[in-house]
Amino acid sequence: MEHDDEYDASGLICPMPVLKARKRLMALRPGQVLRLIATDPVAVIDLPHFCAQSGHELLSMHEDGNAQIYFIRKH
């Protein structure tokens, strides 16, 4: 999937993947897409919740080995 920015949060634990996503999304324009890589098992709960609460659109999430790949569109 095409994206405008990418952040590798591998190795970071809660709440850091969400905090890093929030910071990166703040730098994007509305409609742009962030690709985020996370290995924290709690991220599968935290990142969708963050998107729902902040109004960002979680376009997709899939697993790649022990990592999860998220595509988030800024609102």
C-alpha atoms as a PDB file:
ATOM      1  CA  MET A   1       0.000   0.000   0.000  1.00  0.00           C
ATOM      2  CA  GLU A   2       1.271   3.469  -0.818  1.00  0.00           C
ATOM      3  CA  HIS A   3       2.203   5.679   2.130  1.00  0.00           C
ATOM      4  CA  ASP A   4       3.655   9.118   2.784  1.00  0.00           C
ATOM      5  CA  ASP A   5       5.689   8.383   5.913  1.00  0.00           C
ATOM      6  CA  GLU A   6       6.970   5.343   7.752  1.00  0.00           C
ATOM      7  CA  TYR A   7       8.035   4.656  11.313  1.00  0.00           C
ATOM      8  CA  ASP A   8       9.577   1.462  12.661  1.00  0.00           C
ATOM      9  CA  ALA A   9       8.510   1.092  16.285  1.00  0.00           C
ATOM     10  CA  SER A  10       9.918  -2.433  16.528  1.00  0.00           C
ATOM     11  CA  GLY A  11      11.144  -3.198  20.014  1.00  0.00           C
ATOM     12  CA  LEU A  12       9.156  -0.384  21.623  1.00  0.00           C
ATOM     13  CA  ILE A  13       6.582  -1.317  24.255  1.00  0.00           C
ATOM     14  CA  CYS A  14       3.300   0.274  25.306  1.00  0.00           C
ATOM     15  CA  PRO A  15       2.617   3.170  25.127  1.00  0.00           C
ATOM     16  CA  MET A  16       5.489   4.111  22.809  1.00  0.00           C
ATOM     17  CA  PRO A  17       4.105   2.774  19.466  1.00  0.00           C
ATOM     18  CA  VAL A  18       0.967   4.903  19.934  1.00  0.00           C
ATOM     19  CA  LEU A  19       2.944   7.954  21.038  1.00  0.00           C
ATOM     20  CA  LYS A  20       5.289   7.652  18.051  1.00  0.00           C
ATOM     21  CA  ALA A  21       2.335   7.203  15.685  1.00  0.00           C
ATOM     22  CA  ARG A  22       0.649  10.294  17.126  1.00  0.00           C
ATOM     23  CA  LYS A  23       3.814  12.378  16.707  1.00  0.00           C
ATOM     24  CA  ARG A  24       4.359  11.223  13.105  1.00  0.00           C
ATOM     25  CA  LEU A  25       0.715  11.811  12.192  1.00  0.00           C
ATOM     26  CA  MET A  26       0.908  15.358  13.576  1.00  0.00           C
ATOM     27  CA  ALA A  27       3.569  16.110  10.949  1.00  0.00           C
ATOM     28  CA  LEU A  28       1.410  14.809   8.078  1.00  0.00           C
ATOM     29  CA  ARG A  29      -1.274  16.644   6.139  1.00  0.00           C
ATOM     30  CA  PRO A  30      -4.876  15.399   6.295  1.00  0.00           C
ATOM     31  CA  GLY A  31      -5.332  12.429   3.967  1.00  0.00           C
ATOM     32  CA  GLN A  32      -1.706  11.346   4.081  1.00  0.00           C
ATOM     33  CA  VAL A  33      -0.873   7.798   5.182  1.00  0.00           C
ATOM     34  CA  LEU A  34       1.558   6.556   7.823  1.00  0.00           C
ATOM     35  CA  ARG A  35       2.990   3.041   7.671  1.00  0.00           C
ATOM     36  CA  LEU A  36       3.869   1.911  11.187  1.00  0.00           C
ATOM     37  CA  ILE A  37       5.717  -1.269  12.124  1.00  0.00           C
ATOM     38  CA  ALA A  38       5.269  -2.548  15.684  1.00  0.00           C
ATOM     39  CA  THR A  39       6.279  -5.674  17.579  1.00  0.00           C
ATOM     40  CA  ASP A  40       4.512  -4.926  20.873  1.00  0.00           C
ATOM     41  CA  PRO A  41       1.696  -7.496  21.187  1.00  0.00           C
ATOM     42  CA  VAL A  42      -0.516  -4.893  22.896  1.00  0.00           C
ATOM     43  CA  ALA A  43      -0.301  -2.654  19.804  1.00  0.00           C
ATOM     44  CA  VAL A  44      -3.061  -4.733  18.145  1.00  0.00           C
ATOM     45  CA  ILE A  45      -5.393  -3.289  20.790  1.00  0.00           C
ATOM     46  CA  ASP A  46      -3.805   0.122  21.354  1.00  0.00           C
ATOM     47  CA  LEU A  47      -3.384   1.354  17.779  1.00  0.00           C
ATOM     48  CA  PRO A  48      -6.960   0.642  16.595  1.00  0.00           C
ATOM     49  CA  HIS A  49      -8.243   2.264  19.805  1.00  0.00           C
ATOM     50  CA  PHE A  50      -5.998   5.292  19.245  1.00  0.00           C
ATOM     51  CA  CYS A  51      -7.317   5.658  15.681  1.00  0.00           C
ATOM     52  CA  ALA A  52     -10.936   5.400  16.813  1.00  0.00           C
ATOM     53  CA  GLN A  53     -10.427   7.961  19.576  1.00  0.00           C
ATOM     54  CA  SER A  54      -8.437  10.444  17.476  1.00  0.00           C
ATOM     55  CA  GLY A  55     -10.472  10.169  14.275  1.00  0.00           C
ATOM     56  CA  HIS A  56      -7.668   8.726  12.142  1.00  0.00           C
ATOM     57  CA  GLU A  57      -8.579   5.917   9.754  1.00  0.00           C
ATOM     58  CA  LEU A  58      -6.933   2.539  10.258  1.00  0.00           C
ATOM     59  CA  LEU A  59      -6.736   1.420   6.640  1.00  0.00           C
ATOM     60  CA  SER A  60      -5.216  -1.985   7.305  1.00  0.00           C
ATOM     61  CA  MET A  61      -3.240  -4.104   9.715  1.00  0.00           C
ATOM     62  CA  HIS A  62      -1.464  -7.316   8.904  1.00  0.00           C
ATOM     63  CA  GLU A  63       1.189  -9.461  10.506  1.00  0.00           C
ATOM     64  CA  ASP A  64       4.628  -9.990   9.023  1.00  0.00           C
ATOM     65  CA  GLY A  65       6.515 -12.509  11.122  1.00  0.00           C
ATOM     66  CA  ASN A  66       6.505 -11.193  14.690  1.00  0.00           C
ATOM     67  CA  ALA A  67       5.651  -7.646  13.582  1.00  0.00           C
ATOM     68  CA  GLN A  68       2.384  -5.932  12.780  1.00  0.00           C
ATOM     69  CA  ILE A  69       2.193  -3.475   9.889  1.00  0.00           C
ATOM     70  CA  TYR A  70      -0.365  -0.667  10.211  1.00  0.00           C
ATOM     71  CA  PHE A  71      -1.494   1.817   7.586  1.00  0.00           C
ATOM     72  CA  ILE A  72      -3.144   4.867   9.147  1.00  0.00           C
ATOM     73  CA  ARG A  73      -4.689   7.782   7.225  1.00  0.00           C
ATOM     74  CA  LYS A  74      -4.579  11.122   9.010  1.00  0.00           C
ATOM     75  CA  HIS A  75      -7.995  12.738   9.461  1.00  0.00           C
END
